[in-house]
Amino acid sequence: MTISILGNGQFDRILVRPRNIIFQVLATKIELSRIGRFIQAAIIFAYAIPRCQIIWSADKIFTLVLMIISGVAVFSGLFIIYASLCFFTTEGLEFLNIFTDGGREFGKYPFSIYGEGVLKLFTYIIPLALFQYYPFLYLIGKTQDIHYMFAPFLAFLFLIPCLLLWKIGLRHYKSTGS
């Protein structure tokens, strides 16, 4: 949610609509560049899966689907944090792009190359490694530890503080009066 939604009274209209508030806020700005990124990712995904030399089994397919779903959940949580912080600030919060766009860039390489501190940050604080790094190690056979397969489930716990911050921000919201 950008500051402009709050400042120009659009958020007041969102509050009176009979739909989920978070969904409406997340859907207020749909960028075609993101749809293009999704199409590009889907094409690369469809190309890479048959060529990746992974011996696919039910547990690996389950892990891959879980990685995708929990990735959507974590990035949605990051956008909810961004929207929640807008209740308390009057300036844009571009530093959060470090975790959204930066997280996408970090994911291009194994998190282990960045060092233990960054790996811990992206495991325990912003759980990008829980749906990218650990389950991928399981997929490619670097580990047989079944816990790595279920790591994406832990990423869903990230939504709890995100939603709590949203509720706190919503409680402190004061209408623009326009």
C-alpha atoms as a PDB file:
ATOM      1  CA  MET A   1       0.000   0.000   0.000  1.00  0.00           C
ATOM      2  CA  THR A   2       1.441   3.311  -0.879  1.00  0.00           C
ATOM      3  CA  ILE A   3       1.117   6.406   1.208  1.00  0.00           C
ATOM      4  CA  SER A   4      -1.116   7.866  -1.505  1.00  0.00           C
ATOM      5  CA  ILE A   5      -3.895   5.358  -0.783  1.00  0.00           C
ATOM      6  CA  LEU A   6      -4.081   6.676   2.753  1.00  0.00           C
ATOM      7  CA  GLY A   7      -3.581  10.308   1.840  1.00  0.00           C
ATOM      8  CA  ASN A   8      -6.198  10.593  -0.887  1.00  0.00           C
ATOM      9  CA  GLY A   9      -8.992   8.768   0.921  1.00  0.00           C
ATOM     10  CA  GLN A  10      -8.953   5.570  -1.138  1.00  0.00           C
ATOM     11  CA  PHE A  11      -8.380   3.502   1.978  1.00  0.00           C
ATOM     12  CA  ASP A  12     -11.623   4.813   3.485  1.00  0.00           C
ATOM     13  CA  ARG A  13     -13.477   3.393   0.466  1.00  0.00           C
ATOM     14  CA  ILE A  14     -11.657   0.084   0.865  1.00  0.00           C
ATOM     15  CA  LEU A  15     -12.832  -0.126   4.483  1.00  0.00           C
ATOM     16  CA  VAL A  16     -16.516   0.056   3.528  1.00  0.00           C
ATOM     17  CA  ARG A  17     -16.375  -2.566   0.775  1.00  0.00           C
ATOM     18  CA  PRO A  18     -17.525  -6.093   1.633  1.00  0.00           C
ATOM     19  CA  ARG A  19     -14.216  -7.726   0.659  1.00  0.00           C
ATOM     20  CA  ASN A  20     -11.100  -8.635   2.594  1.00  0.00           C
ATOM     21  CA  ILE A  21      -9.149  -5.447   3.293  1.00  0.00           C
ATOM     22  CA  ILE A  22      -5.711  -6.998   2.781  1.00  0.00           C
ATOM     23  CA  PHE A  23      -6.748  -8.471  -0.567  1.00  0.00           C
ATOM     24  CA  GLN A  24      -8.081  -5.116  -1.722  1.00  0.00           C
ATOM     25  CA  VAL A  25      -4.902  -3.302  -0.696  1.00  0.00           C
ATOM     26  CA  LEU A  26      -2.642  -5.851  -2.375  1.00  0.00           C
ATOM     27  CA  ALA A  27      -4.779  -5.710  -5.520  1.00  0.00           C
ATOM     28  CA  THR A  28      -4.914  -1.908  -5.796  1.00  0.00           C
ATOM     29  CA  LYS A  29      -1.752  -1.745  -7.833  1.00  0.00           C
ATOM     30  CA  ILE A  30      -1.188  -4.478 -10.371  1.00  0.00           C
ATOM     31  CA  GLU A  31       1.822  -3.809 -12.545  1.00  0.00           C
ATOM     32  CA  LEU A  32       2.117  -5.359 -15.982  1.00  0.00           C
ATOM     33  CA  SER A  33       5.860  -5.755 -15.474  1.00  0.00           C
ATOM     34  CA  ARG A  34       5.110  -8.234 -12.694  1.00  0.00           C
ATOM     35  CA  ILE A  35       2.834 -10.208 -14.978  1.00  0.00           C
ATOM     36  CA  GLY A  36       5.674 -10.230 -17.496  1.00  0.00           C
ATOM     37  CA  ARG A  37       8.048 -11.526 -14.817  1.00  0.00           C
ATOM     38  CA  PHE A  38       5.557 -14.253 -13.967  1.00  0.00           C
ATOM     39  CA  ILE A  39       5.218 -15.330 -17.611  1.00  0.00           C
ATOM     40  CA  GLN A  40       8.982 -15.307 -18.045  1.00  0.00           C
ATOM     41  CA  ALA A  41       9.422 -17.376 -14.873  1.00  0.00           C
ATOM     42  CA  ALA A  42       6.752 -19.856 -15.988  1.00  0.00           C
ATOM     43  CA  ILE A  43       8.466 -20.331 -19.356  1.00  0.00           C
ATOM     44  CA  ILE A  44      11.892 -20.851 -17.756  1.00  0.00           C
ATOM     45  CA  PHE A  45      10.325 -23.175 -15.185  1.00  0.00           C
ATOM     46  CA  ALA A  46       8.653 -25.269 -17.906  1.00  0.00           C
ATOM     47  CA  TYR A  47      11.941 -25.398 -19.820  1.00  0.00           C
ATOM     48  CA  ALA A  48      14.138 -26.235 -16.816  1.00  0.00           C
ATOM     49  CA  ILE A  49      12.087 -28.916 -15.064  1.00  0.00           C
ATOM     50  CA  PRO A  50      12.575 -31.635 -17.705  1.00  0.00           C
ATOM     51  CA  ARG A  51      16.271 -30.769 -18.084  1.00  0.00           C
ATOM     52  CA  CYS A  52      17.341 -30.436 -14.438  1.00  0.00           C
ATOM     53  CA  GLN A  53      18.415 -34.088 -13.942  1.00  0.00           C
ATOM     54  CA  ILE A  54      16.371 -34.466 -10.773  1.00  0.00           C
ATOM     55  CA  ILE A  55      14.797 -37.863 -10.360  1.00  0.00           C
ATOM     56  CA  TRP A  56      11.241 -36.790  -9.659  1.00  0.00           C
ATOM     57  CA  SER A  57       9.225 -38.637  -7.048  1.00  0.00           C
ATOM     58  CA  ALA A  58       6.055 -37.779  -5.173  1.00  0.00           C
ATOM     59  CA  ASP A  59       7.976 -36.232  -2.270  1.00  0.00           C
ATOM     60  CA  LYS A  60      10.056 -34.036  -4.586  1.00  0.00           C
ATOM     61  CA  ILE A  61       6.990 -32.872  -6.501  1.00  0.00           C
ATOM     62  CA  PHE A  62       5.315 -32.111  -3.170  1.00  0.00           C
ATOM     63  CA  THR A  63       8.389 -30.168  -2.069  1.00  0.00           C
ATOM     64  CA  LEU A  64       8.445 -28.138  -5.280  1.00  0.00           C
ATOM     65  CA  VAL A  65       4.757 -27.241  -5.009  1.00  0.00           C
ATOM     66  CA  LEU A  66       5.238 -26.353  -1.347  1.00  0.00           C
ATOM     67  CA  MET A  67       8.206 -24.138  -2.257  1.00  0.00           C
ATOM     68  CA  ILE A  68       6.075 -22.186  -4.718  1.00  0.00           C
ATOM     69  CA  ILE A  69       3.093 -21.790  -2.392  1.00  0.00           C
ATOM     70  CA  SER A  70       5.186 -20.767   0.611  1.00  0.00           C
ATOM     71  CA  GLY A  71       7.154 -18.348  -1.574  1.00  0.00           C
ATOM     72  CA  VAL A  72       3.913 -16.620  -2.481  1.00  0.00           C
ATOM     73  CA  ALA A  73       3.009 -16.518   1.220  1.00  0.00           C
ATOM     74  CA  VAL A  74       6.343 -15.007   2.301  1.00  0.00           C
ATOM     75  CA  PHE A  75       6.351 -12.329  -0.389  1.00  0.00           C
ATOM     76  CA  SER A  76       2.714 -11.541   0.416  1.00  0.00           C
ATOM     77  CA  GLY A  77       3.794 -11.164   4.036  1.00  0.00           C
ATOM     78  CA  LEU A  78       6.528  -8.738   2.998  1.00  0.00           C
ATOM     79  CA  PHE A  79       3.997  -6.651   1.092  1.00  0.00           C
ATOM     80  CA  ILE A  80       1.659  -6.752   4.110  1.00  0.00           C
ATOM     81  CA  ILE A  81       4.516  -5.421   6.273  1.00  0.00           C
ATOM     82  CA  TYR A  82       5.101  -2.672   3.721  1.00  0.00           C
ATOM     83  CA  ALA A  83       1.410  -1.770   3.752  1.00  0.00           C
ATOM     84  CA  SER A  84       1.254  -1.919   7.557  1.00  0.00           C
ATOM     85  CA  LEU A  85       4.181   0.428   8.026  1.00  0.00           C
ATOM     86  CA  CYS A  86       2.414   2.995   5.847  1.00  0.00           C
ATOM     87  CA  PHE A  87      -0.043   3.522   8.708  1.00  0.00           C
ATOM     88  CA  PHE A  88       2.803   4.907  10.828  1.00  0.00           C
ATOM     89  CA  THR A  89       4.866   6.903   8.343  1.00  0.00           C
ATOM     90  CA  THR A  90       4.378   9.775   5.957  1.00  0.00           C
ATOM     91  CA  GLU A  91       7.267   8.856   3.673  1.00  0.00           C
ATOM     92  CA  GLY A  92       7.740   5.972   1.272  1.00  0.00           C
ATOM     93  CA  LEU A  93       9.404   2.875   2.603  1.00  0.00           C
ATOM     94  CA  GLU A  94      11.746   2.031  -0.235  1.00  0.00           C
ATOM     95  CA  PHE A  95      14.127   0.216   2.123  1.00  0.00           C
ATOM     96  CA  LEU A  96      11.695  -2.712   2.119  1.00  0.00           C
ATOM     97  CA  ASN A  97      12.645  -3.307  -1.510  1.00  0.00           C
ATOM     98  CA  ILE A  98      15.831  -4.803  -0.082  1.00  0.00           C
ATOM     99  CA  PHE A  99      13.754  -7.782   0.979  1.00  0.00           C
ATOM    100  CA  THR A 100      11.387  -8.015  -1.994  1.00  0.00           C
ATOM    101  CA  ASP A 101      13.569  -7.196  -4.995  1.00  0.00           C
ATOM    102  CA  GLY A 102      16.750  -7.989  -3.079  1.00  0.00           C
ATOM    103  CA  GLY A 103      15.349 -11.319  -1.991  1.00  0.00           C
ATOM    104  CA  ARG A 104      14.694 -12.205  -5.595  1.00  0.00           C
ATOM    105  CA  GLU A 105      18.281 -11.267  -6.463  1.00  0.00           C
ATOM    106  CA  PHE A 106      19.708 -13.134  -3.451  1.00  0.00           C
ATOM    107  CA  GLY A 107      17.799 -16.224  -4.556  1.00  0.00           C
ATOM    108  CA  LYS A 108      19.752 -16.417  -7.794  1.00  0.00           C
ATOM    109  CA  TYR A 109      22.679 -17.888  -5.836  1.00  0.00           C
ATOM    110  CA  PRO A 110      22.808 -20.348  -2.942  1.00  0.00           C
ATOM    111  CA  PHE A 111      22.364 -18.477   0.335  1.00  0.00           C
ATOM    112  CA  SER A 112      25.411 -20.251   1.759  1.00  0.00           C
ATOM    113  CA  ILE A 113      27.788 -18.172  -0.405  1.00  0.00           C
ATOM    114  CA  TYR A 114      26.758 -15.003   1.448  1.00  0.00           C
ATOM    115  CA  GLY A 115      27.982 -16.294   4.790  1.00  0.00           C
ATOM    116  CA  GLU A 116      26.367 -17.616   7.926  1.00  0.00           C
ATOM    117  CA  GLY A 117      25.009 -14.247   9.075  1.00  0.00           C
ATOM    118  CA  VAL A 118      23.044 -13.638   5.885  1.00  0.00           C
ATOM    119  CA  LEU A 119      21.834 -17.242   5.862  1.00  0.00           C
ATOM    120  CA  LYS A 120      20.546 -16.840   9.432  1.00  0.00           C
ATOM    121  CA  LEU A 121      18.885 -13.505   8.553  1.00  0.00           C
ATOM    122  CA  PHE A 122      17.069 -15.120   5.619  1.00  0.00           C
ATOM    123  CA  THR A 123      16.155 -18.168   7.694  1.00  0.00           C
ATOM    124  CA  TYR A 124      14.937 -16.700  10.986  1.00  0.00           C
ATOM    125  CA  ILE A 125      13.977 -13.067  10.281  1.00  0.00           C
ATOM    126  CA  ILE A 126      12.900 -12.916   6.625  1.00  0.00           C
ATOM    127  CA  PRO A 127      12.378 -16.624   5.820  1.00  0.00           C
ATOM    128  CA  LEU A 128      13.440 -16.622   2.176  1.00  0.00           C
ATOM    129  CA  ALA A 129      15.848 -19.516   2.745  1.00  0.00           C
ATOM    130  CA  LEU A 130      13.040 -21.661   4.153  1.00  0.00           C
ATOM    131  CA  PHE A 131      11.337 -21.898   0.793  1.00  0.00           C
ATOM    132  CA  GLN A 132      14.328 -21.364  -1.510  1.00  0.00           C
ATOM    133  CA  TYR A 133      17.554 -22.736  -0.103  1.00  0.00           C
ATOM    134  CA  TYR A 134      16.803 -25.641   2.238  1.00  0.00           C
ATOM    135  CA  PRO A 135      14.138 -27.416   0.158  1.00  0.00           C
ATOM    136  CA  PHE A 136      16.249 -26.940  -2.958  1.00  0.00           C
ATOM    137  CA  LEU A 137      19.096 -28.814  -1.248  1.00  0.00           C
ATOM    138  CA  TYR A 138      16.623 -31.643  -0.736  1.00  0.00           C
ATOM    139  CA  LEU A 139      15.432 -31.494  -4.350  1.00  0.00           C
ATOM    140  CA  ILE A 140      18.897 -31.738  -5.870  1.00  0.00           C
ATOM    141  CA  GLY A 141      19.980 -34.486  -3.499  1.00  0.00           C
ATOM    142  CA  LYS A 142      22.554 -32.529  -1.482  1.00  0.00           C
ATOM    143  CA  THR A 143      20.779 -33.743   1.642  1.00  0.00           C
ATOM    144  CA  GLN A 144      18.365 -36.537   2.417  1.00  0.00           C
ATOM    145  CA  ASP A 145      17.185 -34.852   5.628  1.00  0.00           C
ATOM    146  CA  ILE A 146      13.391 -34.875   5.441  1.00  0.00           C
ATOM    147  CA  HIS A 147      13.266 -31.706   7.569  1.00  0.00           C
ATOM    148  CA  TYR A 148      14.528 -29.771   4.554  1.00  0.00           C
ATOM    149  CA  MET A 149      11.548 -30.974   2.580  1.00  0.00           C
ATOM    150  CA  PHE A 150       9.173 -29.534   5.176  1.00  0.00           C
ATOM    151  CA  ALA A 151      11.068 -26.269   5.758  1.00  0.00           C
ATOM    152  CA  PRO A 152       8.611 -24.311   3.577  1.00  0.00           C
ATOM    153  CA  PHE A 153       5.865 -25.021   6.139  1.00  0.00           C
ATOM    154  CA  LEU A 154       7.830 -22.941   8.647  1.00  0.00           C
ATOM    155  CA  ALA A 155       7.794 -20.033   6.196  1.00  0.00           C
ATOM    156  CA  PHE A 156       4.032 -19.776   6.717  1.00  0.00           C
ATOM    157  CA  LEU A 157       4.703 -18.786  10.345  1.00  0.00           C
ATOM    158  CA  PHE A 158       6.093 -15.529   8.946  1.00  0.00           C
ATOM    159  CA  LEU A 159       2.523 -14.501   8.146  1.00  0.00           C
ATOM    160  CA  ILE A 160       1.609 -14.351  11.841  1.00  0.00           C
ATOM    161  CA  PRO A 161       3.724 -11.286  12.744  1.00  0.00           C
ATOM    162  CA  CYS A 162       2.860  -9.731   9.376  1.00  0.00           C
ATOM    163  CA  LEU A 163      -0.865  -9.970  10.069  1.00  0.00           C
ATOM    164  CA  LEU A 164      -0.411  -8.796  13.658  1.00  0.00           C
ATOM    165  CA  LEU A 165       1.432  -5.707  12.428  1.00  0.00           C
ATOM    166  CA  TRP A 166      -1.398  -5.144   9.928  1.00  0.00           C
ATOM    167  CA  LYS A 167      -4.005  -5.338  12.702  1.00  0.00           C
ATOM    168  CA  ILE A 168      -2.025  -2.911  14.867  1.00  0.00           C
ATOM    169  CA  GLY A 169      -1.711  -0.487  11.963  1.00  0.00           C
ATOM    170  CA  LEU A 170      -5.389  -0.808  11.094  1.00  0.00           C
ATOM    171  CA  ARG A 171      -6.320  -0.104  14.701  1.00  0.00           C
ATOM    172  CA  HIS A 172      -4.236   3.075  14.665  1.00  0.00           C
ATOM    173  CA  TYR A 173      -5.574   4.280  11.307  1.00  0.00           C
ATOM    174  CA  LYS A 174      -7.248   7.655  11.383  1.00  0.00           C
ATOM    175  CA  SER A 175      -9.371   8.616   8.404  1.00  0.00           C
ATOM    176  CA  THR A 176      -8.373  11.527   6.214  1.00  0.00           C
ATOM    177  CA  GLY A 177     -11.890  12.862   6.575  1.00  0.00           C
ATOM    178  CA  SER A 178     -12.258  13.524   2.872  1.00  0.00           C
END
